Amino acid sequence: MDLKSIFTSEDAEEIIAACITGEKAAIKDYEEVLEITFADESLRELILKQKNGIEEALTTIKAQLELK
């Protein structure tokens, strides 16, 4: 995701599309990390909580897009 072009763009749909792409990439990375066996279960729970937060943000972004 090219942040400079996102923030200088005046096209809201382009900004939203870039956000969706970034969130999907982050979720994929979190899923790969969660496949690892953790010695400390609390660390796995923290990573899962962060992934869930990103998924919620993605759902919100998509819902806002549908409202337009």
Protein backbone atom coordinates (compact mmCIF):
# COMPACT_ATOMS: atom_id res chain seq x y z
CA MET A 1 0.00 0.00 0.00
CA ASP A 2 1.51 3.33 -1.08
CA LEU A 3 0.55 5.71 1.73
CA LYS A 4 1.68 8.87 -0.05
CA SER A 5 -0.58 8.24 -3.04
CA ILE A 6 -3.48 7.27 -0.78
CA PHE A 7 -3.37 10.48 1.23
CA THR A 8 -2.85 12.72 -1.78
CA SER A 9 -5.66 11.08 -3.74
CA GLU A 10 -9.02 12.78 -3.82
CA ASP A 11 -10.82 9.60 -4.86
CA ALA A 12 -12.56 8.15 -1.80
CA GLU A 13 -13.20 4.83 -3.51
CA GLU A 14 -9.49 4.47 -4.26
CA ILE A 15 -8.67 5.12 -0.60
CA ILE A 16 -11.26 2.58 0.57
CA ALA A 17 -10.00 -0.01 -1.92
CA ALA A 18 -6.45 0.47 -0.64
CA CYS A 19 -7.65 0.05 2.95
CA ILE A 20 -9.46 -3.17 2.05
CA THR A 21 -6.38 -4.53 0.28
CA GLY A 22 -4.18 -3.71 3.26
CA GLU A 23 -6.57 -5.24 5.78
CA LYS A 24 -6.89 -8.45 3.75
CA ALA A 25 -3.10 -8.74 3.53
CA ALA A 26 -2.77 -8.22 7.28
CA ILE A 27 -5.39 -10.89 8.01
CA LYS A 28 -3.54 -13.35 5.78
CA ASP A 29 -0.27 -12.65 7.62
CA TYR A 30 -1.95 -13.09 11.01
CA GLU A 31 -3.47 -16.41 9.89
CA GLU A 32 -0.02 -17.66 8.87
CA VAL A 33 1.43 -16.68 12.23
CA LEU A 34 -1.44 -18.35 14.08
CA GLU A 35 -0.53 -21.67 12.46
CA ILE A 36 2.63 -21.68 14.60
CA THR A 37 2.55 -23.57 17.89
CA PHE A 38 3.13 -21.12 20.74
CA ALA A 39 4.76 -22.10 24.03
CA ASP A 40 2.91 -19.22 25.66
CA GLU A 41 -0.82 -19.47 24.97
CA SER A 42 -1.35 -15.87 26.10
CA LEU A 43 0.76 -14.69 23.15
CA ARG A 44 -1.40 -16.67 20.73
CA GLU A 45 -4.52 -15.17 22.31
CA LEU A 46 -3.11 -11.65 21.89
CA ILE A 47 -2.33 -12.26 18.22
CA LEU A 48 -5.79 -13.74 17.67
CA LYS A 49 -7.38 -10.71 19.35
CA GLN A 50 -5.45 -8.39 17.04
CA LYS A 51 -6.49 -10.40 13.97
CA ASN A 52 -10.12 -10.27 15.08
CA GLY A 53 -9.86 -6.50 15.43
CA ILE A 54 -8.57 -6.21 11.87
CA GLU A 55 -11.41 -8.42 10.63
CA GLU A 56 -13.91 -6.17 12.42
CA ALA A 57 -12.32 -3.09 10.83
CA LEU A 58 -12.56 -4.73 7.40
CA THR A 59 -16.24 -5.51 7.98
CA THR A 60 -16.84 -1.88 8.96
CA ILE A 61 -15.02 -0.57 5.89
CA LYS A 62 -17.03 -2.84 3.60
CA ALA A 63 -20.30 -1.83 5.31
CA GLN A 64 -19.49 1.86 4.82
CA LEU A 65 -18.72 1.18 1.17
CA GLU A 66 -22.09 -0.50 0.70
CA LEU A 67 -23.89 2.52 2.22
CA LYS A 68 -22.67 4.75 -0.59
